C-alpha atoms as a PDB file:
ATOM      1  CA  MET A   1    -103.519  -6.540 103.885  1.00  0.00           C
ATOM      2  CA  ARG A   2    -102.148  -5.380 107.116  1.00  0.00           C
ATOM      3  CA  ALA A   3     -99.356  -3.060 106.670  1.00  0.00           C
ATOM      4  CA  TYR A   4     -96.037  -4.150 108.515  1.00  0.00           C
ATOM      5  CA  LYS A   5     -94.981  -2.367 111.913  1.00  0.00           C
ATOM      6  CA  LEU A   6     -92.062  -2.832 113.440  1.00  0.00           C
ATOM      7  CA  SER A   7     -92.356  -3.979 116.699  1.00  0.00           C
ATOM      8  CA  SER A   8     -88.890  -3.892 118.713  1.00  0.00           C
ATOM      9  CA  ILE A   9     -84.908  -3.526 117.807  1.00  0.00           C
ATOM     10  CA  LEU A  10     -81.943  -5.535 118.155  1.00  0.00           C
ATOM     11  CA  ASP A  11     -79.222  -2.872 118.264  1.00  0.00           C
ATOM     12  CA  GLY A  12     -75.442  -4.648 118.238  1.00  0.00           C
ATOM     13  CA  HIS A  13     -74.286  -6.286 115.451  1.00  0.00           C
ATOM     14  CA  LYS A  14     -71.699  -4.721 113.567  1.00  0.00           C
ATOM     15  CA  ASN A  15     -73.951  -6.015 109.952  1.00  0.00           C
ATOM     16  CA  ASP A  16     -77.020  -7.455 109.126  1.00  0.00           C
ATOM     17  CA  VAL A  17     -78.467  -9.927 110.924  1.00  0.00           C
ATOM     18  CA  ARG A  18     -79.317 -13.315 108.498  1.00  0.00           C
ATOM     19  CA  CYS A  19     -80.611 -15.714 111.232  1.00  0.00           C
ATOM     20  CA  LEU A  20     -82.965 -15.671 114.805  1.00  0.00           C
ATOM     21  CA  ALA A  21     -83.797 -18.388 117.061  1.00  0.00           C
ATOM     22  CA  ALA A  22     -86.040 -17.894 119.883  1.00  0.00           C
ATOM     23  CA  PHE A  23     -84.650 -19.164 123.372  1.00  0.00           C
ATOM     24  CA  PRO A  24     -86.009 -19.935 126.739  1.00  0.00           C
ATOM     25  CA  GLY A  25     -87.061 -17.562 129.251  1.00  0.00           C
ATOM     26  CA  ASP A  26     -88.055 -14.620 127.099  1.00  0.00           C
ATOM     27  CA  ALA A  27     -84.559 -14.465 125.187  1.00  0.00           C
ATOM     28  CA  LEU A  28     -83.624 -14.277 121.368  1.00  0.00           C
ATOM     29  CA  VAL A  29     -80.263 -15.392 119.581  1.00  0.00           C
ATOM     30  CA  SER A  30     -79.118 -13.920 116.189  1.00  0.00           C
ATOM     31  CA  GLY A  31     -76.490 -14.671 114.182  1.00  0.00           C
ATOM     32  CA  SER A  32     -75.208 -11.811 111.915  1.00  0.00           C
ATOM     33  CA  ARG A  33     -72.736 -11.002 108.848  1.00  0.00           C
ATOM     34  CA  ASP A  34     -70.024  -9.974 111.462  1.00  0.00           C
ATOM     35  CA  MET A  35     -69.676 -13.358 112.319  1.00  0.00           C
ATOM     36  CA  LYS A  36     -70.820 -13.444 115.377  1.00  0.00           C
ATOM     37  CA  VAL A  37     -73.944 -14.558 117.516  1.00  0.00           C
ATOM     38  CA  LYS A  38     -75.325 -12.991 120.323  1.00  0.00           C
ATOM     39  CA  LEU A  39     -77.867 -13.151 122.945  1.00  0.00           C
ATOM     40  CA  TRP A  40     -80.176 -10.904 124.249  1.00  0.00           C
ATOM     41  CA  SER A  41     -82.542 -10.923 127.329  1.00  0.00           C
ATOM     42  CA  SER A  42     -86.325  -9.211 126.465  1.00  0.00           C
ATOM     43  CA  GLU A  43     -87.552  -6.291 129.288  1.00  0.00           C
ATOM     44  CA  GLY A  44     -90.884  -4.771 128.270  1.00  0.00           C
ATOM     45  CA  GLY A  45     -92.509  -8.307 127.067  1.00  0.00           C
ATOM     46  CA  GLY A  46     -90.298  -8.118 124.005  1.00  0.00           C
ATOM     47  CA  LYS A  47     -90.380  -4.629 123.083  1.00  0.00           C
ATOM     48  CA  HIS A  48     -86.670  -3.674 124.845  1.00  0.00           C
ATOM     49  CA  TRP A  49     -83.858  -6.030 124.306  1.00  0.00           C
ATOM     50  CA  ASN A  50     -80.522  -6.230 125.751  1.00  0.00           C
ATOM     51  CA  GLU A  51     -77.909  -7.676 124.675  1.00  0.00           C
ATOM     52  CA  GLN A  52     -76.209 -10.189 126.970  1.00  0.00           C
ATOM     53  CA  ILE A  53     -73.627 -12.538 124.967  1.00  0.00           C
ATOM     54  CA  THR A  54     -71.591 -12.031 122.216  1.00  0.00           C
ATOM     55  CA  TYR A  55     -69.934 -15.317 120.885  1.00  0.00           C
ATOM     56  CA  GLU A  56     -67.320 -15.233 118.597  1.00  0.00           C
ATOM     57  CA  GLY A  57     -65.508 -17.947 116.570  1.00  0.00           C
ATOM     58  CA  HIS A  58     -66.835 -18.103 112.985  1.00  0.00           C
ATOM     59  CA  THR A  59     -64.317 -16.807 109.865  1.00  0.00           C
ATOM     60  CA  ALA A  60     -67.595 -16.570 108.285  1.00  0.00           C
ATOM     61  CA  TYR A  61     -70.850 -15.325 108.522  1.00  0.00           C
ATOM     62  CA  VAL A  62     -73.285 -17.159 110.479  1.00  0.00           C
ATOM     63  CA  THR A  63     -76.169 -18.613 108.724  1.00  0.00           C
ATOM     64  CA  SER A  64     -78.124 -20.581 110.770  1.00  0.00           C
ATOM     65  CA  LEU A  65     -78.703 -21.494 114.540  1.00  0.00           C
ATOM     66  CA  ALA A  66     -80.748 -23.921 116.666  1.00  0.00           C
ATOM     67  CA  VAL A  67     -81.514 -23.770 120.289  1.00  0.00           C
ATOM     68  CA  MET A  68     -81.826 -26.718 122.321  1.00  0.00           C
ATOM     69  CA  PRO A  69     -83.778 -26.304 125.911  1.00  0.00           C
ATOM     70  CA  SER A  70     -82.417 -27.536 128.800  1.00  0.00           C
ATOM     71  CA  ASN A  71     -82.374 -31.086 130.217  1.00  0.00           C
ATOM     72  CA  GLU A  72     -80.220 -33.012 132.587  1.00  0.00           C
ATOM     73  CA  SER A  73     -77.263 -32.959 130.567  1.00  0.00           C
ATOM     74  CA  TYR A  74     -77.234 -29.479 130.025  1.00  0.00           C
ATOM     75  CA  PRO A  75     -79.012 -27.399 132.111  1.00  0.00           C
ATOM     76  CA  ASP A  76     -78.376 -23.882 130.705  1.00  0.00           C
ATOM     77  CA  GLY A  77     -79.828 -25.744 127.150  1.00  0.00           C
ATOM     78  CA  LEU A  78     -77.344 -24.898 123.988  1.00  0.00           C
ATOM     79  CA  ILE A  79     -77.297 -22.905 121.120  1.00  0.00           C
ATOM     80  CA  TYR A  80     -75.664 -24.538 117.721  1.00  0.00           C
ATOM     81  CA  THR A  81     -74.569 -22.250 115.070  1.00  0.00           C
ATOM     82  CA  GLY A  82     -73.832 -22.838 111.261  1.00  0.00           C
ATOM     83  CA  SER A  83     -71.793 -20.825 109.353  1.00  0.00           C
ATOM     84  CA  ASN A  84     -70.306 -19.706 105.535  1.00  0.00           C
ATOM     85  CA  ASP A  85     -66.713 -21.201 107.275  1.00  0.00           C
ATOM     86  CA  GLY A  86     -68.037 -24.389 107.033  1.00  0.00           C
ATOM     87  CA  LYS A  87     -67.929 -25.124 110.867  1.00  0.00           C
ATOM     88  CA  GLY A  88     -70.691 -25.533 112.810  1.00  0.00           C
ATOM     89  CA  PHE A  89     -70.769 -24.773 117.154  1.00  0.00           C
END
């Protein structure tokens, strides 16, 4: 069995990250127990990540994420989030 090797760090949440999803265009979306969702862009082929946007609105931690790629109706795509507050955005 090969040893685990950390390849990069997303530094910006105030609590543990509960979910990640790939976003088109070399980006990631993360959800955390800090009740926030963050969009990250990649530099250096995924070795370095820069926080681009922070989404707020949940009143409990974010438990799930899904990404819908761009289409005619939503040219930038969509990010769906779920939380222990019983709400989805």
